[in-house]
Amino acid sequence: MKKVDHIGIAVKDLEQVLPYYTETLGCPLMKIEEVEGQKVKVAFIDAGNIKLELLEPMSEDSPIHKFIEKKGEGIHHIAFGVEGIEERMAELRENGVKLLSEEPKPGAGGAMVAFLHPKSSNGVLYELCEKK
């Protein structure tokens, strides 16, 4: 793991919560994009030494929608920046870590991502994030 790349925060409505981050906290909005494969709209917030990704579900079958229904809005995942994501996934599997997918998937910001199952990491959803 190179560093913590970002923290993902599940929200019901980006338009409603963005003023808190940009006006109240004074953190710049970097961009907003849709990730069709994850069924999520993402707002990238610059929080100084780390990025926040605000995650709004685009449909009721989005993993983020299901998360919010079960746990409410809040921290969804912590992402580690990695190099060689496929190799890192293989190493984790060899060490008994269960992953949520067999292969990396396209994520926000053009990254390739893979998630570790929370049951393998003491209840925390971690993401591996490889940026080009």
Protein backbone atom coordinates (compact mmCIF):
# COMPACT_ATOMS: atom_id res chain seq x y z
CA MET A 1 0.00 0.00 0.00
CA LYS A 2 1.47 3.36 -1.04
CA LYS A 3 -0.84 5.74 0.81
CA VAL A 4 -4.43 6.45 1.67
CA ASP A 5 -5.72 7.78 -1.64
CA HIS A 6 -9.19 8.89 -0.58
CA ILE A 7 -12.12 8.33 1.75
CA GLY A 8 -15.46 7.44 0.15
CA ILE A 9 -18.55 8.94 1.80
CA ALA A 10 -22.04 7.72 0.88
CA VAL A 11 -24.62 10.50 0.49
CA LYS A 12 -28.24 10.53 -0.65
CA ASP A 13 -28.05 13.82 -2.55
CA LEU A 14 -24.87 15.56 -3.74
CA GLU A 15 -26.64 18.87 -4.38
CA GLN A 16 -27.81 18.93 -0.77
CA VAL A 17 -24.47 18.06 0.89
CA LEU A 18 -21.97 19.85 -1.38
CA PRO A 19 -22.44 23.27 0.30
CA TYR A 20 -21.37 21.74 3.62
CA TYR A 21 -18.03 20.63 2.15
CA THR A 22 -17.40 23.60 -0.14
CA GLU A 23 -18.84 26.51 1.87
CA THR A 24 -18.93 25.43 5.52
CA LEU A 25 -15.64 23.50 5.49
CA GLY A 26 -14.09 25.55 2.67
CA CYS A 27 -12.85 22.53 0.68
CA PRO A 28 -12.65 23.03 -3.10
CA LEU A 29 -14.81 20.90 -5.39
CA MET A 30 -12.46 19.35 -7.95
CA LYS A 31 -15.01 17.77 -10.30
CA ILE A 32 -18.14 15.63 -10.50
CA GLU A 33 -18.43 12.54 -12.68
CA GLU A 34 -20.69 9.54 -13.17
CA VAL A 35 -19.33 6.00 -12.98
CA GLU A 36 -21.89 3.95 -14.87
CA GLY A 37 -20.34 0.59 -13.95
CA GLN A 38 -20.71 1.37 -10.23
CA LYS A 39 -24.05 3.19 -10.70
CA VAL A 40 -22.76 6.18 -8.76
CA LYS A 41 -22.22 9.92 -9.20
CA VAL A 42 -18.98 11.06 -7.56
CA ALA A 43 -17.96 14.51 -6.34
CA PHE A 44 -14.22 14.87 -5.74
CA ILE A 45 -13.40 17.18 -2.81
CA ASP A 46 -9.88 18.45 -2.07
CA ALA A 47 -9.47 18.22 1.72
CA GLY A 48 -5.80 19.21 1.76
CA ASN A 49 -3.68 16.13 2.32
CA ILE A 50 -6.44 13.74 1.19
CA LYS A 51 -9.34 13.60 -1.22
CA LEU A 52 -12.92 12.89 -0.25
CA GLU A 53 -15.21 11.17 -2.73
CA LEU A 54 -18.86 11.90 -2.10
CA LEU A 55 -20.84 8.99 -3.55
CA GLU A 56 -24.47 9.44 -4.63
CA PRO A 57 -26.35 6.37 -5.91
CA MET A 58 -27.72 6.70 -9.45
CA SER A 59 -30.26 3.90 -9.04
CA GLU A 60 -31.88 1.73 -6.39
CA ASP A 61 -29.71 -1.25 -7.37
CA SER A 62 -26.51 0.73 -6.80
CA PRO A 63 -24.24 -0.68 -4.07
CA ILE A 64 -24.21 2.82 -2.53
CA HIS A 65 -28.03 2.89 -2.37
CA LYS A 66 -28.00 -0.48 -0.61
CA PHE A 67 -25.34 0.78 1.82
CA ILE A 68 -27.36 3.89 2.68
CA GLU A 69 -30.52 1.85 3.17
CA LYS A 70 -28.71 -0.47 5.58
CA LYS A 71 -26.35 1.89 7.43
CA GLY A 72 -27.34 5.43 6.51
CA GLU A 73 -25.13 8.15 5.06
CA GLY A 74 -21.51 8.26 6.15
CA ILE A 75 -18.09 6.75 5.58
CA HIS A 76 -18.35 3.98 3.01
CA HIS A 77 -14.72 3.01 2.36
CA ILE A 78 -11.06 3.91 2.70
CA ALA A 79 -9.00 3.61 -0.46
CA PHE A 80 -5.32 2.72 -0.62
CA GLY A 81 -3.30 3.77 -3.63
CA VAL A 82 -1.42 0.80 -5.10
CA GLU A 83 0.77 -0.08 -8.06
CA GLY A 84 0.25 -3.43 -9.80
CA ILE A 85 -3.31 -3.95 -8.58
CA GLU A 86 -3.62 -7.48 -10.01
CA GLU A 87 -0.47 -8.60 -8.20
CA ARG A 88 -1.62 -6.95 -4.97
CA MET A 89 -4.99 -8.72 -5.25
CA ALA A 90 -3.21 -12.06 -5.72
CA GLU A 91 -0.99 -11.42 -2.66
CA LEU A 92 -4.03 -10.58 -0.53
CA ARG A 93 -5.85 -13.74 -1.67
CA GLU A 94 -2.77 -15.80 -0.81
CA ASN A 95 -2.94 -14.28 2.68
CA GLY A 96 -6.57 -15.34 3.10
CA VAL A 97 -8.23 -12.01 2.31
CA LYS A 98 -11.57 -12.28 0.51
CA LEU A 99 -12.10 -9.76 -2.30
CA LEU A 100 -15.46 -8.59 -3.68
CA SER A 101 -14.42 -9.21 -7.31
CA GLU A 102 -12.04 -11.48 -9.16
CA GLU A 103 -10.64 -8.70 -11.36
CA PRO A 104 -10.15 -4.94 -10.93
CA LYS A 105 -13.00 -2.78 -12.25
CA PRO A 106 -13.07 0.73 -13.69
CA GLY A 107 -13.64 3.31 -10.96
CA ALA A 108 -13.89 7.07 -10.61
CA GLY A 109 -11.17 9.31 -11.99
CA GLY A 110 -10.03 6.65 -14.49
CA ALA A 111 -8.68 4.39 -11.74
CA MET A 112 -8.87 0.61 -11.62
CA VAL A 113 -10.32 -0.54 -8.30
CA ALA A 114 -10.98 -3.64 -6.22
CA PHE A 115 -12.60 -3.96 -2.80
CA LEU A 116 -11.62 -6.13 0.14
CA HIS A 117 -14.55 -7.85 1.84
CA PRO A 118 -15.25 -6.18 5.20
CA LYS A 119 -15.40 -9.62 6.87
CA SER A 120 -11.71 -10.01 5.99
CA SER A 121 -10.76 -6.60 7.40
CA ASN A 122 -12.49 -6.26 10.75
CA GLY A 123 -15.64 -4.64 9.38
CA VAL A 124 -13.94 -1.96 7.26
CA LEU A 125 -14.48 -1.80 3.49
CA TYR A 126 -11.08 -1.08 1.92
CA GLU A 127 -10.52 -0.27 -1.72
CA LEU A 128 -7.36 -0.84 -3.77
CA CYS A 129 -7.01 2.04 -6.22
CA GLU A 130 -4.52 2.10 -9.11
CA LYS A 131 -4.33 5.32 -11.09
CA LYS A 132 -2.63 5.53 -14.45
